[in-house]
PDB file of N, CA and C in Angstrom:
ATOM      1  N   UNK A   1      90.249  81.336  94.585  1.00  0.00           N
ATOM      2  CA  UNK A   1      91.413  82.165  94.049  1.00  0.00           C
ATOM      3  C   UNK A   1      92.321  81.448  93.284  1.00  0.00           C
ATOM      4  N   UNK A   2      92.746  80.312  93.447  1.00  0.00           N
ATOM      5  CA  UNK A   2      93.661  79.702  92.828  1.00  0.00           C
ATOM      6  C   UNK A   2      93.458  79.413  91.405  1.00  0.00           C
ATOM      7  N   UNK A   3      92.197  79.006  91.021  1.00  0.00           N
ATOM      8  CA  UNK A   3      91.932  78.828  89.712  1.00  0.00           C
ATOM      9  C   UNK A   3      91.907  80.172  88.940  1.00  0.00           C
ATOM     10  N   UNK A   4      91.677  81.304  89.608  1.00  0.00           N
ATOM     11  CA  UNK A   4      91.482  82.403  88.707  1.00  0.00           C
ATOM     12  C   UNK A   4      92.999  82.893  88.452  1.00  0.00           C
ATOM     13  N   UNK A   5      93.859  82.722  89.320  1.00  0.00           N
ATOM     14  CA  UNK A   5      95.333  83.071  89.034  1.00  0.00           C
ATOM     15  C   UNK A   5      95.634  82.472  87.774  1.00  0.00           C
ATOM     16  N   UNK A   6      95.612  81.169  87.748  1.00  0.00           N
ATOM     17  CA  UNK A   6      96.136  80.433  86.593  1.00  0.00           C
ATOM     18  C   UNK A   6      95.189  80.800  85.328  1.00  0.00           C
ATOM     19  N   UNK A   7      93.887  81.101  85.533  1.00  0.00           N
ATOM     20  CA  UNK A   7      93.156  81.476  84.340  1.00  0.00           C
ATOM     21  C   UNK A   7      93.729  82.749  83.756  1.00  0.00           C
ATOM     22  N   UNK A   8      93.851  83.692  84.446  1.00  0.00           N
ATOM     23  CA  UNK A   8      94.232  85.091  84.378  1.00  0.00           C
ATOM     24  C   UNK A   8      95.501  85.078  83.828  1.00  0.00           C
ATOM     25  N   UNK A   9      96.471  84.326  84.223  1.00  0.00           N
ATOM     26  CA  UNK A   9      97.794  84.191  83.765  1.00  0.00           C
ATOM     27  C   UNK A   9      97.751  83.585  82.242  1.00  0.00           C
ATOM     28  N   UNK A  10      97.203  82.591  82.120  1.00  0.00           N
ATOM     29  CA  UNK A  10      96.933  82.085  80.669  1.00  0.00           C
ATOM     30  C   UNK A  10      96.405  83.031  79.662  1.00  0.00           C
ATOM     31  N   UNK A  11      95.277  83.794  80.149  1.00  0.00           N
ATOM     32  CA  UNK A  11      94.695  84.760  79.131  1.00  0.00           C
ATOM     33  C   UNK A  11      95.734  85.709  78.751  1.00  0.00           C
ATOM     34  N   UNK A  12      96.661  86.175  79.676  1.00  0.00           N
ATOM     35  CA  UNK A  12      97.559  87.257  79.282  1.00  0.00           C
ATOM     36  C   UNK A  12      99.006  86.577  78.772  1.00  0.00           C
ATOM     37  N   UNK A  13      99.044  85.324  78.637  1.00  0.00           N
ATOM     38  CA  UNK A  13     100.176  84.581  78.131  1.00  0.00           C
ATOM     39  C   UNK A  13     101.316  84.926  79.064  1.00  0.00           C
ATOM     40  N   UNK A  14     101.299  84.933  80.273  1.00  0.00           N
ATOM     41  CA  UNK A  14     102.231  85.036  81.143  1.00  0.00           C
ATOM     42  C   UNK A  14     102.655  83.773  81.704  1.00  0.00           C
ATOM     43  N   UNK A  15     103.916  83.549  81.886  1.00  0.00           N
ATOM     44  CA  UNK A  15     104.408  81.933  82.102  1.00  0.00           C
ATOM     45  C   UNK A  15     104.555  82.340  83.648  1.00  0.00           C
ATOM     46  N   UNK A  16     104.588  81.070  84.413  1.00  0.00           N
ATOM     47  CA  UNK A  16     104.873  81.012  85.804  1.00  0.00           C
ATOM     48  C   UNK A  16     106.161  81.676  85.946  1.00  0.00           C
ATOM     49  N   UNK A  17     107.182  81.330  85.136  1.00  0.00           N
ATOM     50  CA  UNK A  17     108.504  81.890  85.361  1.00  0.00           C
ATOM     51  C   UNK A  17     108.558  83.247  85.377  1.00  0.00           C
ATOM     52  N   UNK A  18     107.895  83.783  84.579  1.00  0.00           N
ATOM     53  CA  UNK A  18     107.895  85.196  84.574  1.00  0.00           C
ATOM     54  C   UNK A  18     107.276  86.075  85.736  1.00  0.00           C
ATOM     55  N   UNK A  19     105.971  85.344  86.216  1.00  0.00           N
ATOM     56  CA  UNK A  19     105.671  85.904  87.601  1.00  0.00           C
ATOM     57  C   UNK A  19     106.699  85.698  88.590  1.00  0.00           C
ATOM     58  N   UNK A  20     107.241  84.463  88.559  1.00  0.00           N
ATOM     59  CA  UNK A  20     108.347  84.187  89.749  1.00  0.00           C
ATOM     60  C   UNK A  20     109.242  85.148  89.708  1.00  0.00           C
ATOM     61  N   UNK A  21     109.862  85.477  88.569  1.00  0.00           N
ATOM     62  CA  UNK A  21     110.937  86.521  88.489  1.00  0.00           C
ATOM     63  C   UNK A  21     110.154  88.039  88.995  1.00  0.00           C
ATOM     64  N   UNK A  22     109.147  88.287  88.604  1.00  0.00           N
ATOM     65  CA  UNK A  22     108.626  89.514  89.051  1.00  0.00           C
ATOM     66  C   UNK A  22     108.472  89.555  90.500  1.00  0.00           C
ATOM     67  N   UNK A  23     108.211  88.562  91.221  1.00  0.00           N
ATOM     68  CA  UNK A  23     107.774  88.506  92.703  1.00  0.00           C
ATOM     69  C   UNK A  23     109.048  87.814  93.540  1.00  0.00           C
ATOM     70  N   UNK A  24     110.047  87.641  92.733  1.00  0.00           N
ATOM     71  CA  UNK A  24     111.409  87.197  93.254  1.00  0.00           C
ATOM     72  C   UNK A  24     111.105  85.838  94.046  1.00  0.00           C
ATOM     73  N   UNK A  25     110.338  84.932  93.517  1.00  0.00           N
ATOM     74  CA  UNK A  25     110.054  83.715  94.078  1.00  0.00           C
ATOM     75  C   UNK A  25     110.405  82.694  93.159  1.00  0.00           C
ATOM     76  N   UNK A  26     110.219  81.374  93.622  1.00  0.00           N
ATOM     77  CA  UNK A  26     110.578  80.162  92.490  1.00  0.00           C
ATOM     78  C   UNK A  26     109.381  80.068  91.838  1.00  0.00           C
ATOM     79  N   UNK A  27     109.217  79.496  90.687  1.00  0.00           N
ATOM     80  CA  UNK A  27     108.331  79.161  89.837  1.00  0.00           C
ATOM     81  C   UNK A  27     107.299  78.075  90.696  1.00  0.00           C
ATOM     82  N   UNK A  28     107.949  77.313  91.443  1.00  0.00           N
ATOM     83  CA  UNK A  28     106.962  76.295  92.309  1.00  0.00           C
ATOM     84  C   UNK A  28     106.287  77.036  93.207  1.00  0.00           C
ATOM     85  N   UNK A  29     106.490  78.365  93.771  1.00  0.00           N
ATOM     86  CA  UNK A  29     105.731  79.124  94.573  1.00  0.00           C
ATOM     87  C   UNK A  29     104.553  79.566  93.654  1.00  0.00           C
ATOM     88  N   UNK A  30     104.701  80.066  92.580  1.00  0.00           N
ATOM     89  CA  UNK A  30     103.486  80.294  91.641  1.00  0.00           C
ATOM     90  C   UNK A  30     102.703  79.229  91.616  1.00  0.00           C
ATOM     91  N   UNK A  31     103.387  78.122  91.185  1.00  0.00           N
ATOM     92  CA  UNK A  31     102.491  76.989  91.130  1.00  0.00           C
ATOM     93  C   UNK A  31     101.689  76.506  92.414  1.00  0.00           C
ATOM     94  N   UNK A  32     102.344  76.878  93.406  1.00  0.00           N
ATOM     95  CA  UNK A  32     101.401  76.757  94.700  1.00  0.00           C
ATOM     96  C   UNK A  32     100.605  77.582  95.133  1.00  0.00           C
ATOM     97  N   UNK A  33     100.685  78.882  94.461  1.00  0.00           N
ATOM     98  CA  UNK A  33      99.648  80.017  94.489  1.00  0.00           C
ATOM     99  C   UNK A  33      98.377  79.360  93.670  1.00  0.00           C
ATOM    100  N   UNK A  34      98.651  78.894  92.527  1.00  0.00           N
ATOM    101  CA  UNK A  34      97.776  78.584  91.631  1.00  0.00           C
ATOM    102  C   UNK A  34      96.782  77.203  92.326  1.00  0.00           C
ATOM    103  N   UNK A  35      97.490  76.256  92.928  1.00  0.00           N
ATOM    104  CA  UNK A  35      97.001  75.113  93.594  1.00  0.00           C
ATOM    105  C   UNK A  35      96.314  75.470  94.804  1.00  0.00           C
ATOM    106  N   UNK A  36      96.644  76.810  95.247  1.00  0.00           N
ATOM    107  CA  UNK A  36      96.176  77.179  96.682  1.00  0.00           C
ATOM    108  C   UNK A  36      96.830  76.344  98.026  1.00  0.00           C
ATOM    109  N   UNK A  37      98.101  75.933  97.572  1.00  0.00           N
ATOM    110  CA  UNK A  37      98.859  75.164  98.527  1.00  0.00           C
ATOM    111  C   UNK A  37      99.899  75.892  99.156  1.00  0.00           C
ATOM    112  N   UNK A  38     100.313  77.247  98.795  1.00  0.00           N
ATOM    113  CA  UNK A  38     101.209  78.058  99.254  1.00  0.00           C
ATOM    114  C   UNK A  38     100.349  79.346  99.656  1.00  0.00           C
ATOM    115  N   UNK A  39     100.618  79.881 100.839  1.00  0.00           N
ATOM    116  CA  UNK A  39      99.842  81.019 101.183  1.00  0.00           C
ATOM    117  C   UNK A  39     100.647  82.235 100.509  1.00  0.00           C
ATOM    118  N   UNK A  40      99.955  83.339 100.307  1.00  0.00           N
ATOM    119  CA  UNK A  40     100.243  84.552  99.605  1.00  0.00           C
ATOM    120  C   UNK A  40     100.221  85.859 100.521  1.00  0.00           C
ATOM    121  N   UNK A  41     101.212  86.571 100.475  1.00  0.00           N
ATOM    122  CA  UNK A  41     101.099  87.966 101.248  1.00  0.00           C
ATOM    123  C   UNK A  41      99.946  88.780 100.697  1.00  0.00           C
ATOM    124  N   UNK A  42      99.411  89.539 101.467  1.00  0.00           N
ATOM    125  CA  UNK A  42      98.458  90.330 101.034  1.00  0.00           C
ATOM    126  C   UNK A  42      98.911  91.454 100.021  1.00  0.00           C
ATOM    127  N   UNK A  43     100.198  91.757  99.969  1.00  0.00           N
ATOM    128  CA  UNK A  43     100.702  92.690  99.295  1.00  0.00           C
ATOM    129  C   UNK A  43     100.878  92.207  97.770  1.00  0.00           C
ATOM    130  N   UNK A  44     101.333  90.835  97.723  1.00  0.00           N
ATOM    131  CA  UNK A  44     101.535  90.112  96.459  1.00  0.00           C
ATOM    132  C   UNK A  44     100.057  89.872  95.799  1.00  0.00           C
ATOM    133  N   UNK A  45      99.026  89.786  96.747  1.00  0.00           N
ATOM    134  CA  UNK A  45      97.825  89.541  96.205  1.00  0.00           C
ATOM    135  C   UNK A  45      97.191  90.568  95.555  1.00  0.00           C
ATOM    136  N   UNK A  46      97.551  91.845  95.981  1.00  0.00           N
ATOM    137  CA  UNK A  46      97.305  93.158  95.590  1.00  0.00           C
ATOM    138  C   UNK A  46      97.890  93.494  94.471  1.00  0.00           C
ATOM    139  N   UNK A  47      99.105  93.175  94.329  1.00  0.00           N
ATOM    140  CA  UNK A  47     100.076  93.327  93.101  1.00  0.00           C
ATOM    141  C   UNK A  47      99.457  92.358  91.942  1.00  0.00           C
ATOM    142  N   UNK A  48      99.089  91.250  92.195  1.00  0.00           N
ATOM    143  CA  UNK A  48      98.597  90.396  91.373  1.00  0.00           C
ATOM    144  C   UNK A  48      97.116  90.828  90.773  1.00  0.00           C
ATOM    145  N   UNK A  49      96.289  91.316  91.420  1.00  0.00           N
ATOM    146  CA  UNK A  49      95.207  91.934  90.964  1.00  0.00           C
ATOM    147  C   UNK A  49      95.412  93.206  89.998  1.00  0.00           C
ATOM    148  N   UNK A  50      96.244  93.970  90.495  1.00  0.00           N
ATOM    149  CA  UNK A  50      96.758  94.971  89.527  1.00  0.00           C
ATOM    150  C   UNK A  50      97.394  94.653  88.256  1.00  0.00           C
ATOM    151  N   UNK A  51      98.185  93.477  88.355  1.00  0.00           N
ATOM    152  CA  UNK A  51      98.680  93.296  87.110  1.00  0.00           C
ATOM    153  C   UNK A  51      97.594  92.552  86.140  1.00  0.00           C
ATOM    154  N   UNK A  52      96.671  91.850  86.662  1.00  0.00           N
ATOM    155  CA  UNK A  52      95.729  91.190  85.822  1.00  0.00           C
ATOM    156  C   UNK A  52      94.566  92.183  85.646  1.00  0.00           C
ATOM    157  N   UNK A  53      94.573  93.540  86.028  1.00  0.00           N
ATOM    158  CA  UNK A  53      93.547  94.256  86.050  1.00  0.00           C
ATOM    159  C   UNK A  53      92.144  93.900  86.460  1.00  0.00           C
ATOM    160  N   UNK A  54      92.280  93.183  87.510  1.00  0.00           N
ATOM    161  CA  UNK A  54      90.910  92.685  88.288  1.00  0.00           C
ATOM    162  C   UNK A  54      90.787  93.169  89.541  1.00  0.00           C
ATOM    163  N   UNK A  55      89.586  93.307  90.159  1.00  0.00           N
ATOM    164  CA  UNK A  55      89.392  93.476  91.587  1.00  0.00           C
ATOM    165  C   UNK A  55      90.118  92.382  92.341  1.00  0.00           C
ATOM    166  N   UNK A  56      90.259  92.792  93.791  1.00  0.00           N
ATOM    167  CA  UNK A  56      91.050  91.630  94.695  1.00  0.00           C
ATOM    168  C   UNK A  56      89.777  90.814  94.882  1.00  0.00           C
ATOM    169  N   UNK A  57      88.662  91.242  95.093  1.00  0.00           N
ATOM    170  CA  UNK A  57      87.332  90.135  95.176  1.00  0.00           C
ATOM    171  C   UNK A  57      87.131  89.329  94.114  1.00  0.00           C
ATOM    172  N   UNK A  58      87.414  89.743  92.812  1.00  0.00           N
ATOM    173  CA  UNK A  58      87.344  88.725  91.877  1.00  0.00           C
ATOM    174  C   UNK A  58      88.419  87.719  91.926  1.00  0.00           C
ATOM    175  N   UNK A  59      89.709  88.128  92.059  1.00  0.00           N
ATOM    176  CA  UNK A  59      90.764  87.216  92.278  1.00  0.00           C
ATOM    177  C   UNK A  59      90.769  86.328  93.267  1.00  0.00           C
ATOM    178  N   UNK A  60      90.018  86.725  94.389  1.00  0.00           N
ATOM    179  CA  UNK A  60      89.819  86.005  95.489  1.00  0.00           C
ATOM    180  C   UNK A  60      88.529  84.992  95.276  1.00  0.00           C
ATOM    181  N   UNK A  61      87.928  85.212  94.310  1.00  0.00           N
ATOM    182  CA  UNK A  61      86.616  84.315  94.249  1.00  0.00           C
ATOM    183  C   UNK A  61      85.405  84.721  94.997  1.00  0.00           C
ATOM    184  N   UNK A  62      85.431  86.068  95.321  1.00  0.00           N
ATOM    185  CA  UNK A  62      84.423  86.567  96.020  1.00  0.00           C
ATOM    186  C   UNK A  62      83.287  87.257  95.066  1.00  0.00           C
ATOM    187  N   UNK A  63      83.759  87.421  93.916  1.00  0.00           N
ATOM    188  CA  UNK A  63      82.785  88.059  92.913  1.00  0.00           C
ATOM    189  C   UNK A  63      83.002  87.609  91.479  1.00  0.00           C
ATOM    190  N   UNK A  64      82.011  87.778  90.698  1.00  0.00           N
ATOM    191  CA  UNK A  64      82.152  87.314  89.333  1.00  0.00           C
ATOM    192  C   UNK A  64      82.528  88.381  88.434  1.00  0.00           C
ATOM    193  N   UNK A  65      82.233  89.384  88.778  1.00  0.00           N
ATOM    194  CA  UNK A  65      82.712  90.660  87.895  1.00  0.00           C
ATOM    195  C   UNK A  65      84.122  90.941  88.212  1.00  0.00           C
ATOM    196  N   UNK A  66      84.793  91.227  86.975  1.00  0.00           N
ATOM    197  CA  UNK A  66      86.220  91.322  87.031  1.00  0.00           C
ATOM    198  C   UNK A  66      86.522  92.547  87.913  1.00  0.00           C
ATOM    199  N   UNK A  67      85.880  93.715  87.563  1.00  0.00           N
ATOM    200  CA  UNK A  67      86.146  94.951  88.283  1.00  0.00           C
ATOM    201  C   UNK A  67      84.994  95.331  89.131  1.00  0.00           C
ATOM    202  N   UNK A  68      85.295  96.036  90.236  1.00  0.00           N
ATOM    203  CA  UNK A  68      84.232  96.394  91.069  1.00  0.00           C
ATOM    204  C   UNK A  68      84.669  97.026  92.042  1.00  0.00           C
TER     205      UNK A  68
END
């Protein structure tokens, strides 16, 4: 999952700071999500999937198809 967050964020030219502001967390939390060091609430996970327009399964690394 963590690699996909970073990959998708970069594809859409979204900075960690921008995501942090959206989720009302610090940029270090976003960095932690990307590294897999900081757990994420399911609501935040769902919101990220919507932001990136991918399925939760893809974001979580359970599927290779982005939508499904």
